[in-house]
Amino acid sequence: MQVICDRINRVYSSGLEESVQKFLESLGKLNRGYLTGLEEKVLSVLESEIRV
């Protein structure tokens, strides 16, 4: 679960669009230690776009 939080923190910034910020915030509030396939894909796209 810490790995997911670390990934979210690397991507999150105040310069992101509000919808992206809300998505990342909702991922951070999940009470499970894994991402679904779709959540993983979206987070990976964000990481590649932001060049993390």
N, C-alpha and C. Protein backbone atom coordinates (compact mmCIF):
# COMPACT_ATOMS: atom_id res chain seq x y z
N MET A 1 0.82 -1.19 0.00
CA MET A 1 0.00 0.00 0.00
C MET A 1 0.87 1.26 0.00
N GLN A 2 1.98 1.22 0.67
CA GLN A 2 2.88 2.36 0.70
C GLN A 2 3.41 2.67 -0.69
N VAL A 3 3.64 1.64 -1.49
CA VAL A 3 4.13 1.84 -2.86
C VAL A 3 3.12 2.66 -3.67
N ILE A 4 1.85 2.34 -3.52
CA ILE A 4 0.80 3.07 -4.23
C ILE A 4 0.80 4.53 -3.78
N CYS A 5 0.86 4.77 -2.49
CA CYS A 5 0.88 6.14 -1.96
C CYS A 5 2.09 6.91 -2.47
N ASP A 6 3.24 6.27 -2.53
CA ASP A 6 4.45 6.92 -3.04
C ASP A 6 4.28 7.32 -4.50
N ARG A 7 3.70 6.43 -5.29
CA ARG A 7 3.47 6.73 -6.71
C ARG A 7 2.52 7.92 -6.87
N ILE A 8 1.46 7.92 -6.09
CA ILE A 8 0.48 9.01 -6.15
C ILE A 8 1.15 10.33 -5.77
N ASN A 9 1.93 10.33 -4.71
CA ASN A 9 2.61 11.54 -4.25
C ASN A 9 3.59 12.09 -5.28
N ARG A 10 4.26 11.21 -6.04
CA ARG A 10 5.20 11.66 -7.07
C ARG A 10 4.47 12.36 -8.22
N VAL A 11 3.25 11.94 -8.50
CA VAL A 11 2.49 12.49 -9.63
C VAL A 11 1.70 13.73 -9.23
N TYR A 12 1.22 13.77 -8.00
CA TYR A 12 0.30 14.83 -7.56
C TYR A 12 1.01 16.18 -7.47
N SER A 13 0.36 17.20 -8.03
CA SER A 13 0.84 18.58 -7.86
C SER A 13 -0.34 19.52 -8.04
N SER A 14 -0.18 20.72 -7.56
CA SER A 14 -1.27 21.69 -7.64
C SER A 14 -1.51 22.15 -9.07
N GLY A 15 -0.57 21.88 -9.96
CA GLY A 15 -0.71 22.30 -11.36
C GLY A 15 -1.57 21.37 -12.20
N LEU A 16 -2.00 20.27 -11.62
CA LEU A 16 -2.82 19.31 -12.36
C LEU A 16 -4.25 19.80 -12.50
N GLU A 17 -4.92 19.29 -13.52
CA GLU A 17 -6.34 19.60 -13.67
C GLU A 17 -7.09 19.05 -12.46
N GLU A 18 -8.19 19.72 -12.11
CA GLU A 18 -8.95 19.35 -10.92
C GLU A 18 -9.43 17.89 -10.98
N SER A 19 -9.86 17.44 -12.15
CA SER A 19 -10.35 16.07 -12.26
C SER A 19 -9.25 15.05 -11.98
N VAL A 20 -8.03 15.35 -12.41
CA VAL A 20 -6.89 14.46 -12.16
C VAL A 20 -6.54 14.47 -10.67
N GLN A 21 -6.57 15.65 -10.07
CA GLN A 21 -6.31 15.74 -8.63
C GLN A 21 -7.32 14.91 -7.85
N LYS A 22 -8.58 15.02 -8.20
CA LYS A 22 -9.64 14.28 -7.50
C LYS A 22 -9.46 12.78 -7.68
N PHE A 23 -9.07 12.35 -8.89
CA PHE A 23 -8.82 10.92 -9.13
C PHE A 23 -7.70 10.42 -8.23
N LEU A 24 -6.60 11.17 -8.18
CA LEU A 24 -5.47 10.75 -7.35
C LEU A 24 -5.84 10.75 -5.87
N GLU A 25 -6.61 11.74 -5.44
CA GLU A 25 -7.06 11.77 -4.05
C GLU A 25 -7.93 10.56 -3.73
N SER A 26 -8.80 10.19 -4.65
CA SER A 26 -9.67 9.02 -4.41
C SER A 26 -8.84 7.73 -4.35
N LEU A 27 -7.80 7.63 -5.17
CA LEU A 27 -6.93 6.45 -5.10
C LEU A 27 -6.25 6.38 -3.73
N GLY A 28 -5.84 7.53 -3.22
CA GLY A 28 -5.17 7.57 -1.93
C GLY A 28 -6.05 7.19 -0.76
N LYS A 29 -7.36 7.29 -0.94
CA LYS A 29 -8.30 6.97 0.13
C LYS A 29 -8.77 5.52 0.11
N LEU A 30 -8.34 4.75 -0.89
CA LEU A 30 -8.78 3.36 -0.98
C LEU A 30 -8.26 2.54 0.20
N ASN A 31 -9.07 1.63 0.68
CA ASN A 31 -8.68 0.78 1.80
C ASN A 31 -8.27 -0.60 1.32
N ARG A 32 -7.48 -0.61 0.27
CA ARG A 32 -6.96 -1.89 -0.22
C ARG A 32 -5.54 -1.66 -0.71
N GLY A 33 -4.76 -2.69 -0.68
CA GLY A 33 -3.35 -2.58 -1.02
C GLY A 33 -3.03 -2.85 -2.47
N TYR A 34 -4.00 -2.73 -3.34
CA TYR A 34 -3.77 -2.98 -4.76
C TYR A 34 -4.64 -2.04 -5.58
N LEU A 35 -4.29 -1.89 -6.85
CA LEU A 35 -5.10 -1.13 -7.78
C LEU A 35 -5.75 -2.10 -8.75
N THR A 36 -6.94 -1.76 -9.22
CA THR A 36 -7.56 -2.57 -10.26
C THR A 36 -6.76 -2.36 -11.55
N GLY A 37 -7.03 -3.17 -12.53
CA GLY A 37 -6.34 -3.03 -13.80
C GLY A 37 -6.51 -1.64 -14.41
N LEU A 38 -7.72 -1.13 -14.37
CA LEU A 38 -7.99 0.19 -14.93
C LEU A 38 -7.30 1.29 -14.12
N GLU A 39 -7.36 1.21 -12.81
CA GLU A 39 -6.69 2.20 -11.96
C GLU A 39 -5.20 2.20 -12.22
N GLU A 40 -4.61 1.03 -12.36
CA GLU A 40 -3.18 0.91 -12.65
C GLU A 40 -2.84 1.55 -14.00
N LYS A 41 -3.66 1.31 -15.00
CA LYS A 41 -3.41 1.89 -16.33
C LYS A 41 -3.48 3.40 -16.29
N VAL A 42 -4.49 3.94 -15.62
CA VAL A 42 -4.64 5.40 -15.55
C VAL A 42 -3.46 6.02 -14.79
N LEU A 43 -3.07 5.42 -13.68
CA LEU A 43 -1.94 5.95 -12.92
C LEU A 43 -0.66 5.86 -13.75
N SER A 44 -0.48 4.79 -14.48
CA SER A 44 0.70 4.65 -15.34
C SER A 44 0.74 5.71 -16.43
N VAL A 45 -0.41 6.00 -17.02
CA VAL A 45 -0.47 7.06 -18.04
C VAL A 45 -0.10 8.40 -17.42
N LEU A 46 -0.64 8.69 -16.25
CA LEU A 46 -0.30 9.95 -15.57
C LEU A 46 1.19 10.03 -15.29
N GLU A 47 1.77 8.93 -14.82
CA GLU A 47 3.21 8.90 -14.55
C GLU A 47 4.02 9.17 -15.82
N SER A 48 3.59 8.59 -16.93
CA SER A 48 4.35 8.79 -18.17
C SER A 48 4.17 10.22 -18.71
N GLU A 49 2.97 10.78 -18.54
CA GLU A 49 2.72 12.15 -19.00
C GLU A 49 3.49 13.18 -18.17
N ILE A 50 3.61 12.90 -16.89
CA ILE A 50 4.30 13.84 -15.99
C ILE A 50 5.79 13.51 -15.92
N ARG A 51 6.15 12.39 -16.49
CA ARG A 51 7.55 11.94 -16.57
C ARG A 51 8.15 11.68 -15.21
N VAL A 52 7.46 10.87 -14.44
CA VAL A 52 7.93 10.50 -13.10
C VAL A 52 8.91 9.36 -13.22
